[in-house]
Amino acid sequence: MAWVVGTGLFLGLLAIALGFVTLRTGWILPTARRHVTKPQLHGLGGMFTGSSVVLQGLFYFRVLPSVSWEARFFLGNALLFTGLLLIVLSQLLSSRRNPDQAGPSAV
């Protein structure tokens, strides 16, 4: 069971790192690049989602002080759903375009 939690911990750290890179540079993985219109929201959502998984792993390995399972459950779910909501919003919200720029249809 420890290897499953360890793998999740690794993937959570990877999600946090990718979220940080997206926040700093605006770079998004090529598989999601076409759908994302707000890279900052996407990066923040990745960081929240990854931190949920990392916290659960740290509680499992007893790195963090033990708290009740209810607190772990609600904290983990709040972080996870907040991150997922931000990722969805980063794909659904339209980006603001400068009306002074001529688009391809204005030629």
C-alpha atoms as a PDB file:
ATOM      1  CA  MET A   1       0.000   0.000   0.000  1.00  0.00           C
ATOM      2  CA  ALA A   2       2.890   2.351   0.684  1.00  0.00           C
ATOM      3  CA  TRP A   3       4.016   2.270  -2.962  1.00  0.00           C
ATOM      4  CA  VAL A   4       0.560   3.422  -4.095  1.00  0.00           C
ATOM      5  CA  VAL A   5       0.652   6.387  -1.730  1.00  0.00           C
ATOM      6  CA  GLY A   6       4.274   7.075  -2.695  1.00  0.00           C
ATOM      7  CA  THR A   7       3.352   7.117  -6.379  1.00  0.00           C
ATOM      8  CA  GLY A   8       0.499   9.505  -5.637  1.00  0.00           C
ATOM      9  CA  LEU A   9       2.876  11.680  -3.642  1.00  0.00           C
ATOM     10  CA  PHE A  10       5.260  11.792  -6.600  1.00  0.00           C
ATOM     11  CA  LEU A  11       2.456  12.676  -9.036  1.00  0.00           C
ATOM     12  CA  GLY A  12       1.213  15.376  -6.643  1.00  0.00           C
ATOM     13  CA  LEU A  13       4.687  16.916  -6.527  1.00  0.00           C
ATOM     14  CA  LEU A  14       4.794  16.774 -10.326  1.00  0.00           C
ATOM     15  CA  ALA A  15       1.429  18.579 -10.519  1.00  0.00           C
ATOM     16  CA  ILE A  16       2.673  21.270  -8.126  1.00  0.00           C
ATOM     17  CA  ALA A  17       5.853  21.713 -10.185  1.00  0.00           C
ATOM     18  CA  LEU A  18       3.901  21.989 -13.452  1.00  0.00           C
ATOM     19  CA  GLY A  19       1.496  24.471 -11.843  1.00  0.00           C
ATOM     20  CA  PHE A  20       4.432  26.565 -10.651  1.00  0.00           C
ATOM     21  CA  VAL A  21       5.999  26.523 -14.123  1.00  0.00           C
ATOM     22  CA  THR A  22       2.671  27.561 -15.642  1.00  0.00           C
ATOM     23  CA  LEU A  23       2.316  30.441 -13.193  1.00  0.00           C
ATOM     24  CA  ARG A  24       5.862  31.680 -13.768  1.00  0.00           C
ATOM     25  CA  THR A  25       6.213  31.247 -17.539  1.00  0.00           C
ATOM     26  CA  GLY A  26       2.745  30.576 -18.948  1.00  0.00           C
ATOM     27  CA  TRP A  27       3.932  27.233 -20.402  1.00  0.00           C
ATOM     28  CA  ILE A  28       1.287  24.498 -20.479  1.00  0.00           C
ATOM     29  CA  LEU A  29       1.655  20.836 -21.410  1.00  0.00           C
ATOM     30  CA  PRO A  30       1.059  20.360 -25.153  1.00  0.00           C
ATOM     31  CA  THR A  31      -1.960  18.099 -24.548  1.00  0.00           C
ATOM     32  CA  ALA A  32      -3.855  20.897 -22.739  1.00  0.00           C
ATOM     33  CA  ARG A  33      -2.474  23.869 -24.635  1.00  0.00           C
ATOM     34  CA  ARG A  34      -5.304  24.085 -27.173  1.00  0.00           C
ATOM     35  CA  HIS A  35      -8.061  24.133 -24.547  1.00  0.00           C
ATOM     36  CA  VAL A  36      -6.662  26.512 -21.908  1.00  0.00           C
ATOM     37  CA  THR A  37      -7.450  30.196 -22.296  1.00  0.00           C
ATOM     38  CA  LYS A  38      -6.328  31.374 -18.838  1.00  0.00           C
ATOM     39  CA  PRO A  39      -2.910  29.890 -17.991  1.00  0.00           C
ATOM     40  CA  GLN A  40      -2.744  31.519 -14.542  1.00  0.00           C
ATOM     41  CA  LEU A  41      -5.943  29.808 -13.400  1.00  0.00           C
ATOM     42  CA  HIS A  42      -4.709  26.522 -14.849  1.00  0.00           C
ATOM     43  CA  GLY A  43      -1.424  26.757 -12.959  1.00  0.00           C
ATOM     44  CA  LEU A  44      -3.126  27.663  -9.696  1.00  0.00           C
ATOM     45  CA  GLY A  45      -5.567  24.783 -10.138  1.00  0.00           C
ATOM     46  CA  GLY A  46      -2.710  22.364 -10.714  1.00  0.00           C
ATOM     47  CA  MET A  47      -1.012  23.549  -7.562  1.00  0.00           C
ATOM     48  CA  PHE A  48      -4.187  23.118  -5.468  1.00  0.00           C
ATOM     49  CA  THR A  49      -4.870  19.669  -6.911  1.00  0.00           C
ATOM     50  CA  GLY A  50      -1.293  18.532  -6.373  1.00  0.00           C
ATOM     51  CA  SER A  51      -1.176  19.885  -2.827  1.00  0.00           C
ATOM     52  CA  SER A  52      -4.275  17.862  -1.950  1.00  0.00           C
ATOM     53  CA  VAL A  53      -2.561  14.633  -2.999  1.00  0.00           C
ATOM     54  CA  VAL A  54       0.743  15.569  -1.334  1.00  0.00           C
ATOM     55  CA  LEU A  55      -0.936  16.415   1.980  1.00  0.00           C
ATOM     56  CA  GLN A  56      -2.784  13.101   2.012  1.00  0.00           C
ATOM     57  CA  GLY A  57       0.488  11.274   1.384  1.00  0.00           C
ATOM     58  CA  LEU A  58       2.282  13.189   4.133  1.00  0.00           C
ATOM     59  CA  PHE A  59      -0.512  12.351   6.571  1.00  0.00           C
ATOM     60  CA  TYR A  60      -0.291   8.675   5.565  1.00  0.00           C
ATOM     61  CA  PHE A  61       3.473   8.493   6.166  1.00  0.00           C
ATOM     62  CA  ARG A  62       3.024  10.443   9.448  1.00  0.00           C
ATOM     63  CA  VAL A  63       5.334  13.256   8.369  1.00  0.00           C
ATOM     64  CA  LEU A  64       2.746  15.811   9.471  1.00  0.00           C
ATOM     65  CA  PRO A  65       1.162  15.665  12.932  1.00  0.00           C
ATOM     66  CA  SER A  66      -1.913  13.488  13.055  1.00  0.00           C
ATOM     67  CA  VAL A  67      -5.283  15.159  12.817  1.00  0.00           C
ATOM     68  CA  SER A  68      -8.719  13.602  12.773  1.00  0.00           C
ATOM     69  CA  TRP A  69      -9.792  11.788   9.637  1.00  0.00           C
ATOM     70  CA  GLU A  70     -12.655  14.243   9.215  1.00  0.00           C
ATOM     71  CA  ALA A  71     -10.259  17.176   9.022  1.00  0.00           C
ATOM     72  CA  ARG A  72      -8.054  15.320   6.518  1.00  0.00           C
ATOM     73  CA  PHE A  73     -11.091  14.354   4.457  1.00  0.00           C
ATOM     74  CA  PHE A  74     -12.593  17.837   4.286  1.00  0.00           C
ATOM     75  CA  LEU A  75      -9.267  19.617   3.789  1.00  0.00           C
ATOM     76  CA  GLY A  76      -8.208  17.202   1.051  1.00  0.00           C
ATOM     77  CA  ASN A  77     -11.531  17.416  -0.747  1.00  0.00           C
ATOM     78  CA  ALA A  78     -11.669  21.208  -0.460  1.00  0.00           C
ATOM     79  CA  LEU A  79      -8.219  21.542  -2.035  1.00  0.00           C
ATOM     80  CA  LEU A  80      -8.980  18.948  -4.708  1.00  0.00           C
ATOM     81  CA  PHE A  81     -12.319  20.421  -5.774  1.00  0.00           C
ATOM     82  CA  THR A  82     -10.968  23.972  -5.685  1.00  0.00           C
ATOM     83  CA  GLY A  83      -8.132  22.911  -7.980  1.00  0.00           C
ATOM     84  CA  LEU A  84     -10.444  21.078 -10.347  1.00  0.00           C
ATOM     85  CA  LEU A  85     -12.823  24.051 -10.449  1.00  0.00           C
ATOM     86  CA  LEU A  86      -9.950  26.391 -11.334  1.00  0.00           C
ATOM     87  CA  ILE A  87      -8.779  24.046 -14.094  1.00  0.00           C
ATOM     88  CA  VAL A  88     -12.279  23.884 -15.557  1.00  0.00           C
ATOM     89  CA  LEU A  89     -12.646  27.672 -15.353  1.00  0.00           C
ATOM     90  CA  SER A  90      -9.290  28.100 -17.102  1.00  0.00           C
ATOM     91  CA  GLN A  91     -10.756  26.249 -20.064  1.00  0.00           C
ATOM     92  CA  LEU A  92     -14.250  27.740 -20.078  1.00  0.00           C
ATOM     93  CA  LEU A  93     -13.565  31.447 -19.547  1.00  0.00           C
ATOM     94  CA  SER A  94     -12.814  33.295 -22.746  1.00  0.00           C
ATOM     95  CA  SER A  95      -9.669  35.347 -22.997  1.00  0.00           C
ATOM     96  CA  ARG A  96     -10.016  39.081 -23.504  1.00  0.00           C
ATOM     97  CA  ARG A  97      -8.786  40.179 -26.858  1.00  0.00           C
ATOM     98  CA  ASN A  98      -7.593  43.651 -27.662  1.00  0.00           C
ATOM     99  CA  PRO A  99     -10.233  45.208 -29.984  1.00  0.00           C
ATOM    100  CA  ASP A 100      -7.532  47.358 -31.603  1.00  0.00           C
ATOM    101  CA  GLN A 101      -5.746  44.287 -32.957  1.00  0.00           C
ATOM    102  CA  ALA A 102      -6.918  43.064 -36.296  1.00  0.00           C
ATOM    103  CA  GLY A 103      -7.821  39.406 -36.225  1.00  0.00           C
ATOM    104  CA  PRO A 104      -7.577  37.048 -39.190  1.00  0.00           C
ATOM    105  CA  SER A 105     -11.231  37.706 -40.154  1.00  0.00           C
ATOM    106  CA  ALA A 106     -10.745  41.481 -40.224  1.00  0.00           C
ATOM    107  CA  VAL A 107      -8.391  41.416 -43.221  1.00  0.00           C
END
